[in-house]
Amino acid sequence: MKARVQVMLKDGVLDPQGEAVRHALGAMGFGGIEGVRQGKIIELDLADGVTYADVTEMCEKLLANTVIESYAIEMA
């Protein structure tokens, strides 16, 4: 089984990497970009028996800084 965890900064938290990407896109001639938020995707290959609750605990303890980041889990 696989799990995909998407981690993003929470709304209201400054995203300097996203702002740098927005600025670079503008400098390259790409107009109309009003904002960029950058995050990360973590893919986990799970052994049998690993549950959604286990992946949630992984996120809470290591994969996401829950003070400033939110996360979403997809299991397949």
PDB file of N, CA and C in Angstrom:
ATOM      1  N   MET A   1       0.846  -1.172   0.000  1.00  0.00           N
ATOM      2  CA  MET A   1       0.000   0.000   0.000  1.00  0.00           C
ATOM      3  C   MET A   1       0.894   1.238   0.000  1.00  0.00           C
ATOM      4  N   LYS A   2       0.391   2.297  -0.568  1.00  0.00           N
ATOM      5  CA  LYS A   2       1.119   3.561  -0.620  1.00  0.00           C
ATOM      6  C   LYS A   2       0.308   4.652   0.065  1.00  0.00           C
ATOM      7  N   ALA A   3       1.012   5.608   0.618  1.00  0.00           N
ATOM      8  CA  ALA A   3       0.393   6.812   1.160  1.00  0.00           C
ATOM      9  C   ALA A   3       1.118   8.005   0.561  1.00  0.00           C
ATOM     10  N   ARG A   4       0.354   9.025   0.251  1.00  0.00           N
ATOM     11  CA  ARG A   4       0.920  10.282  -0.235  1.00  0.00           C
ATOM     12  C   ARG A   4       0.483  11.376   0.743  1.00  0.00           C
ATOM     13  N   VAL A   5       1.465  12.080   1.266  1.00  0.00           N
ATOM     14  CA  VAL A   5       1.199  13.151   2.222  1.00  0.00           C
ATOM     15  C   VAL A   5       1.571  14.468   1.559  1.00  0.00           C
ATOM     16  N   GLN A   6       0.618  15.380   1.513  1.00  0.00           N
ATOM     17  CA  GLN A   6       0.864  16.718   0.975  1.00  0.00           C
ATOM     18  C   GLN A   6       0.951  17.672   2.157  1.00  0.00           C
ATOM     19  N   VAL A   7       2.079  18.376   2.272  1.00  0.00           N
ATOM     20  CA  VAL A   7       2.311  19.303   3.373  1.00  0.00           C
ATOM     21  C   VAL A   7       2.396  20.715   2.792  1.00  0.00           C
ATOM     22  N   MET A   8       1.607  21.620   3.358  1.00  0.00           N
ATOM     23  CA  MET A   8       1.586  23.023   2.903  1.00  0.00           C
ATOM     24  C   MET A   8       1.618  23.936   4.113  1.00  0.00           C
ATOM     25  N   LEU A   9       2.186  25.121   3.927  1.00  0.00           N
ATOM     26  CA  LEU A   9       2.103  26.126   4.974  1.00  0.00           C
ATOM     27  C   LEU A   9       0.645  26.529   5.174  1.00  0.00           C
ATOM     28  N   LYS A  10       0.272  26.771   6.411  1.00  0.00           N
ATOM     29  CA  LYS A  10      -1.095  27.211   6.705  1.00  0.00           C
ATOM     30  C   LYS A  10      -1.316  28.608   6.138  1.00  0.00           C
ATOM     31  N   ASP A  11      -2.588  28.928   5.860  1.00  0.00           N
ATOM     32  CA  ASP A  11      -2.941  30.276   5.410  1.00  0.00           C
ATOM     33  C   ASP A  11      -2.469  31.283   6.456  1.00  0.00           C
ATOM     34  N   GLY A  12      -1.928  32.372   5.989  1.00  0.00           N
ATOM     35  CA  GLY A  12      -1.465  33.418   6.889  1.00  0.00           C
ATOM     36  C   GLY A  12       0.006  33.294   7.274  1.00  0.00           C
ATOM     37  N   VAL A  13       0.622  32.145   6.991  1.00  0.00           N
ATOM     38  CA  VAL A  13       2.053  31.967   7.263  1.00  0.00           C
ATOM     39  C   VAL A  13       2.824  32.429   6.028  1.00  0.00           C
ATOM     40  N   LEU A  14       3.802  33.306   6.228  1.00  0.00           N
ATOM     41  CA  LEU A  14       4.582  33.802   5.104  1.00  0.00           C
ATOM     42  C   LEU A  14       5.317  32.651   4.419  1.00  0.00           C
ATOM     43  N   ASP A  15       5.362  32.717   3.089  1.00  0.00           N
ATOM     44  CA  ASP A  15       5.997  31.673   2.288  1.00  0.00           C
ATOM     45  C   ASP A  15       7.092  32.312   1.435  1.00  0.00           C
ATOM     46  N   PRO A  16       8.301  32.485   1.984  1.00  0.00           N
ATOM     47  CA  PRO A  16       9.346  33.157   1.213  1.00  0.00           C
ATOM     48  C   PRO A  16       9.757  32.395  -0.042  1.00  0.00           C
ATOM     49  N   GLN A  17       9.726  31.074  -0.019  1.00  0.00           N
ATOM     50  CA  GLN A  17      10.055  30.310  -1.234  1.00  0.00           C
ATOM     51  C   GLN A  17       8.999  30.539  -2.305  1.00  0.00           C
ATOM     52  N   GLY A  18       7.747  30.528  -1.925  1.00  0.00           N
ATOM     53  CA  GLY A  18       6.673  30.794  -2.868  1.00  0.00           C
ATOM     54  C   GLY A  18       6.782  32.185  -3.458  1.00  0.00           C
ATOM     55  N   GLU A  19       7.115  33.154  -2.617  1.00  0.00           N
ATOM     56  CA  GLU A  19       7.273  34.529  -3.090  1.00  0.00           C
ATOM     57  C   GLU A  19       8.442  34.639  -4.059  1.00  0.00           C
ATOM     58  N   ALA A  20       9.534  33.920  -3.804  1.00  0.00           N
ATOM     59  CA  ALA A  20      10.683  33.934  -4.710  1.00  0.00           C
ATOM     60  C   ALA A  20      10.300  33.335  -6.061  1.00  0.00           C
ATOM     61  N   VAL A  21       9.507  32.263  -6.053  1.00  0.00           N
ATOM     62  CA  VAL A  21       9.050  31.651  -7.304  1.00  0.00           C
ATOM     63  C   VAL A  21       8.143  32.621  -8.058  1.00  0.00           C
ATOM     64  N   ARG A  22       7.220  33.285  -7.340  1.00  0.00           N
ATOM     65  CA  ARG A  22       6.328  34.259  -7.982  1.00  0.00           C
ATOM     66  C   ARG A  22       7.136  35.372  -8.640  1.00  0.00           C
ATOM     67  N   HIS A  23       8.117  35.881  -7.922  1.00  0.00           N
ATOM     68  CA  HIS A  23       8.959  36.955  -8.454  1.00  0.00           C
ATOM     69  C   HIS A  23       9.736  36.473  -9.684  1.00  0.00           C
ATOM     70  N   ALA A  24      10.308  35.281  -9.621  1.00  0.00           N
ATOM     71  CA  ALA A  24      11.084  34.741 -10.745  1.00  0.00           C
ATOM     72  C   ALA A  24      10.208  34.530 -11.971  1.00  0.00           C
ATOM     73  N   LEU A  25       8.996  34.041 -11.760  1.00  0.00           N
ATOM     74  CA  LEU A  25       8.084  33.864 -12.898  1.00  0.00           C
ATOM     75  C   LEU A  25       7.781  35.202 -13.564  1.00  0.00           C
ATOM     76  N   GLY A  26       7.556  36.231 -12.748  1.00  0.00           N
ATOM     77  CA  GLY A  26       7.308  37.568 -13.298  1.00  0.00           C
ATOM     78  C   GLY A  26       8.509  38.072 -14.079  1.00  0.00           C
ATOM     79  N   ALA A  27       9.712  37.844 -13.548  1.00  0.00           N
ATOM     80  CA  ALA A  27      10.936  38.292 -14.217  1.00  0.00           C
ATOM     81  C   ALA A  27      11.155  37.550 -15.534  1.00  0.00           C
ATOM     82  N   MET A  28      10.596  36.349 -15.638  1.00  0.00           N
ATOM     83  CA  MET A  28      10.730  35.560 -16.871  1.00  0.00           C
ATOM     84  C   MET A  28       9.641  35.901 -17.880  1.00  0.00           C
ATOM     85  N   GLY A  29       8.776  36.847 -17.539  1.00  0.00           N
ATOM     86  CA  GLY A  29       7.747  37.280 -18.472  1.00  0.00           C
ATOM     87  C   GLY A  29       6.398  36.608 -18.297  1.00  0.00           C
ATOM     88  N   PHE A  30       6.238  35.796 -17.276  1.00  0.00           N
ATOM     89  CA  PHE A  30       4.946  35.156 -17.013  1.00  0.00           C
ATOM     90  C   PHE A  30       4.106  36.089 -16.158  1.00  0.00           C
ATOM     91  N   GLY A  31       3.081  36.661 -16.769  1.00  0.00           N
ATOM     92  CA  GLY A  31       2.224  37.592 -16.055  1.00  0.00           C
ATOM     93  C   GLY A  31       1.030  36.896 -15.437  1.00  0.00           C
ATOM     94  N   GLY A  32       0.324  37.646 -14.621  1.00  0.00           N
ATOM     95  CA  GLY A  32      -0.921  37.149 -14.054  1.00  0.00           C
ATOM     96  C   GLY A  32      -0.756  36.251 -12.843  1.00  0.00           C
ATOM     97  N   ILE A  33       0.449  36.105 -12.330  1.00  0.00           N
ATOM     98  CA  ILE A  33       0.662  35.279 -11.143  1.00  0.00           C
ATOM     99  C   ILE A  33       0.526  36.186  -9.924  1.00  0.00           C
ATOM    100  N   GLU A  34      -0.536  36.000  -9.182  1.00  0.00           N
ATOM    101  CA  GLU A  34      -0.781  36.852  -8.016  1.00  0.00           C
ATOM    102  C   GLU A  34      -0.225  36.264  -6.731  1.00  0.00           C
ATOM    103  N   GLY A  35       0.017  34.969  -6.712  1.00  0.00           N
ATOM    104  CA  GLY A  35       0.569  34.361  -5.508  1.00  0.00           C
ATOM    105  C   GLY A  35       1.007  32.941  -5.782  1.00  0.00           C
ATOM    106  N   VAL A  36       2.002  32.494  -5.030  1.00  0.00           N
ATOM    107  CA  VAL A  36       2.499  31.127  -5.131  1.00  0.00           C
ATOM    108  C   VAL A  36       2.681  30.595  -3.715  1.00  0.00           C
ATOM    109  N   ARG A  37       2.201  29.392  -3.469  1.00  0.00           N
ATOM    110  CA  ARG A  37       2.440  28.688  -2.208  1.00  0.00           C
ATOM    111  C   ARG A  37       3.203  27.420  -2.563  1.00  0.00           C
ATOM    112  N   GLN A  38       4.292  27.188  -1.884  1.00  0.00           N
ATOM    113  CA  GLN A  38       5.112  26.017  -2.166  1.00  0.00           C
ATOM    114  C   GLN A  38       4.978  25.034  -1.015  1.00  0.00           C
ATOM    115  N   GLY A  39       4.871  23.758  -1.351  1.00  0.00           N
ATOM    116  CA  GLY A  39       4.761  22.725  -0.334  1.00  0.00           C
ATOM    117  C   GLY A  39       5.623  21.541  -0.687  1.00  0.00           C
ATOM    118  N   LYS A  40       5.303  20.411  -0.085  1.00  0.00           N
ATOM    119  CA  LYS A  40       6.061  19.204  -0.388  1.00  0.00           C
ATOM    120  C   LYS A  40       5.129  18.002  -0.406  1.00  0.00           C
ATOM    121  N   ILE A  41       5.516  17.013  -1.201  1.00  0.00           N
ATOM    122  CA  ILE A  41       4.805  15.738  -1.289  1.00  0.00           C
ATOM    123  C   ILE A  41       5.741  14.666  -0.748  1.00  0.00           C
ATOM    124  N   ILE A  42       5.226  13.850   0.142  1.00  0.00           N
ATOM    125  CA  ILE A  42       5.993  12.742   0.707  1.00  0.00           C
ATOM    126  C   ILE A  42       5.251  11.460   0.358  1.00  0.00           C
ATOM    127  N   GLU A  43       5.912  10.544  -0.346  1.00  0.00           N
ATOM    128  CA  GLU A  43       5.304   9.265  -0.704  1.00  0.00           C
ATOM    129  C   GLU A  43       5.891   8.179   0.181  1.00  0.00           C
ATOM    130  N   LEU A  44       5.019   7.396   0.775  1.00  0.00           N
ATOM    131  CA  LEU A  44       5.423   6.321   1.675  1.00  0.00           C
ATOM    132  C   LEU A  44       4.975   4.983   1.103  1.00  0.00           C
ATOM    133  N   ASP A  45       5.874   4.015   1.052  1.00  0.00           N
ATOM    134  CA  ASP A  45       5.513   2.634   0.733  1.00  0.00           C
ATOM    135  C   ASP A  45       5.271   1.941   2.064  1.00  0.00           C
ATOM    136  N   LEU A  46       4.058   1.477   2.269  1.00  0.00           N
ATOM    137  CA  LEU A  46       3.656   0.948   3.569  1.00  0.00           C
ATOM    138  C   LEU A  46       3.550  -0.564   3.559  1.00  0.00           C
ATOM    139  N   ALA A  47       3.967  -1.172   4.646  1.00  0.00           N
ATOM    140  CA  ALA A  47       3.796  -2.607   4.834  1.00  0.00           C
ATOM    141  C   ALA A  47       2.339  -2.887   5.184  1.00  0.00           C
ATOM    142  N   ASP A  48       1.923  -4.128   4.996  1.00  0.00           N
ATOM    143  CA  ASP A  48       0.573  -4.524   5.397  1.00  0.00           C
ATOM    144  C   ASP A  48       0.371  -4.209   6.873  1.00  0.00           C
ATOM    145  N   GLY A  49      -0.805  -3.716   7.188  1.00  0.00           N
ATOM    146  CA  GLY A  49      -1.135  -3.431   8.573  1.00  0.00           C
ATOM    147  C   GLY A  49      -0.935  -1.995   8.998  1.00  0.00           C
ATOM    148  N   VAL A  50      -0.205  -1.206   8.191  1.00  0.00           N
ATOM    149  CA  VAL A  50      -0.044   0.210   8.527  1.00  0.00           C
ATOM    150  C   VAL A  50      -1.338   0.924   8.169  1.00  0.00           C
ATOM    151  N   THR A  51      -1.888   1.664   9.112  1.00  0.00           N
ATOM    152  CA  THR A  51      -3.203   2.273   8.947  1.00  0.00           C
ATOM    153  C   THR A  51      -3.115   3.774   8.690  1.00  0.00           C
ATOM    154  N   TYR A  52      -4.259   4.332   8.328  1.00  0.00           N
ATOM    155  CA  TYR A  52      -4.381   5.784   8.165  1.00  0.00           C
ATOM    156  C   TYR A  52      -3.992   6.478   9.465  1.00  0.00           C
ATOM    157  N   ALA A  53      -4.422   5.914  10.583  1.00  0.00           N
ATOM    158  CA  ALA A  53      -4.088   6.488  11.895  1.00  0.00           C
ATOM    159  C   ALA A  53      -2.577   6.495  12.120  1.00  0.00           C
ATOM    160  N   ASP A  54      -1.894   5.444  11.672  1.00  0.00           N
ATOM    161  CA  ASP A  54      -0.436   5.395  11.799  1.00  0.00           C
ATOM    162  C   ASP A  54       0.215   6.519  10.988  1.00  0.00           C
ATOM    163  N   VAL A  55      -0.260   6.722   9.764  1.00  0.00           N
ATOM    164  CA  VAL A  55       0.298   7.776   8.913  1.00  0.00           C
ATOM    165  C   VAL A  55      -0.008   9.148   9.517  1.00  0.00           C
ATOM    166  N   THR A  56      -1.182   9.313  10.075  1.00  0.00           N
ATOM    167  CA  THR A  56      -1.524  10.563  10.753  1.00  0.00           C
ATOM    168  C   THR A  56      -0.554  10.832  11.896  1.00  0.00           C
ATOM    169  N   GLU A  57      -0.248   9.809  12.667  1.00  0.00           N
ATOM    170  CA  GLU A  57       0.701   9.968  13.764  1.00  0.00           C
ATOM    171  C   GLU A  57       2.086  10.345  13.242  1.00  0.00           C
ATOM    172  N   MET A  58       2.493   9.755  12.112  1.00  0.00           N
ATOM    173  CA  MET A  58       3.773  10.110  11.493  1.00  0.00           C
ATOM    174  C   MET A  58       3.796  11.598  11.141  1.00  0.00           C
ATOM    175  N   CYS A  59       2.693  12.075  10.582  1.00  0.00           N
ATOM    176  CA  CYS A  59       2.596  13.487  10.208  1.00  0.00           C
ATOM    177  C   CYS A  59       2.687  14.390  11.434  1.00  0.00           C
ATOM    178  N   GLU A  60       1.945  14.021  12.464  1.00  0.00           N
ATOM    179  CA  GLU A  60       1.906  14.832  13.681  1.00  0.00           C
ATOM    180  C   GLU A  60       3.263  14.878  14.382  1.00  0.00           C
ATOM    181  N   LYS A  61       4.029  13.784  14.307  1.00  0.00           N
ATOM    182  CA  LYS A  61       5.286  13.702  15.045  1.00  0.00           C
ATOM    183  C   LYS A  61       6.521  14.104  14.246  1.00  0.00           C
ATOM    184  N   LEU A  62       6.470  13.976  12.897  1.00  0.00           N
ATOM    185  CA  LEU A  62       7.682  14.218  12.126  1.00  0.00           C
ATOM    186  C   LEU A  62       7.473  14.915  10.784  1.00  0.00           C
ATOM    187  N   LEU A  63       6.529  14.446  10.004  1.00  0.00           N
ATOM    188  CA  LEU A  63       6.450  14.880   8.601  1.00  0.00           C
ATOM    189  C   LEU A  63       5.972  16.305   8.415  1.00  0.00           C
ATOM    190  N   ALA A  64       5.189  16.830   9.353  1.00  0.00           N
ATOM    191  CA  ALA A  64       4.676  18.201   9.246  1.00  0.00           C
ATOM    192  C   ALA A  64       4.919  18.939  10.557  1.00  0.00           C
ATOM    193  N   ASN A  65       5.254  20.195  10.442  1.00  0.00           N
ATOM    194  CA  ASN A  65       5.329  21.075  11.613  1.00  0.00           C
ATOM    195  C   ASN A  65       3.929  21.654  11.779  1.00  0.00           C
ATOM    196  N   THR A  66       3.125  21.030  12.607  1.00  0.00           N
ATOM    197  CA  THR A  66       1.700  21.362  12.674  1.00  0.00           C
ATOM    198  C   THR A  66       1.422  22.751  13.246  1.00  0.00           C
ATOM    199  N   VAL A  67       2.433  23.429  13.751  1.00  0.00           N
ATOM    200  CA  VAL A  67       2.245  24.806  14.198  1.00  0.00           C
ATOM    201  C   VAL A  67       2.030  25.709  12.990  1.00  0.00           C
ATOM    202  N   ILE A  68       2.793  25.453  11.909  1.00  0.00           N
ATOM    203  CA  ILE A  68       2.729  26.334  10.741  1.00  0.00           C
ATOM    204  C   ILE A  68       2.310  25.624   9.465  1.00  0.00           C
ATOM    205  N   GLU A  69       2.191  24.287   9.505  1.00  0.00           N
ATOM    206  CA  GLU A  69       1.853  23.537   8.298  1.00  0.00           C
ATOM    207  C   GLU A  69       0.601  22.693   8.506  1.00  0.00           C
ATOM    208  N   SER A  70      -0.112  22.494   7.411  1.00  0.00           N
ATOM    209  CA  SER A  70      -1.221  21.553   7.399  1.00  0.00           C
ATOM    210  C   SER A  70      -0.830  20.404   6.482  1.00  0.00           C
ATOM    211  N   TYR A  71      -1.548  19.295   6.581  1.00  0.00           N
ATOM    212  CA  TYR A  71      -1.235  18.147   5.751  1.00  0.00           C
ATOM    213  C   TYR A  71      -2.506  17.438   5.324  1.00  0.00           C
ATOM    214  N   ALA A  72      -2.406  16.737   4.202  1.00  0.00           N
ATOM    215  CA  ALA A  72      -3.496  15.911   3.693  1.00  0.00           C
ATOM    216  C   ALA A  72      -2.905  14.557   3.319  1.00  0.00           C
ATOM    217  N   ILE A  73      -3.634  13.497   3.635  1.00  0.00           N
ATOM    218  CA  ILE A  73      -3.149  12.136   3.398  1.00  0.00           C
ATOM    219  C   ILE A  73      -4.045  11.468   2.368  1.00  0.00           C
ATOM    220  N   GLU A  74      -3.424  10.811   1.371  1.00  0.00           N
ATOM    221  CA  GLU A  74      -4.134   9.965   0.426  1.00  0.00           C
ATOM    222  C   GLU A  74      -3.564   8.561   0.569  1.00  0.00           C
ATOM    223  N   MET A  75      -4.424   7.596   0.741  1.00  0.00           N
ATOM    224  CA  MET A  75      -4.004   6.185   0.842  1.00  0.00           C
ATOM    225  C   MET A  75      -4.475   5.469  -0.423  1.00  0.00           C
ATOM    226  N   ALA A  76      -3.607   4.660  -1.018  1.00  0.00           N
ATOM    227  CA  ALA A  76      -3.972   3.902  -2.205  1.00  0.00           C
ATOM    228  C   ALA A  76      -3.385   2.521  -2.154  1.00  0.00           C
TER     229      ALA A  76
END
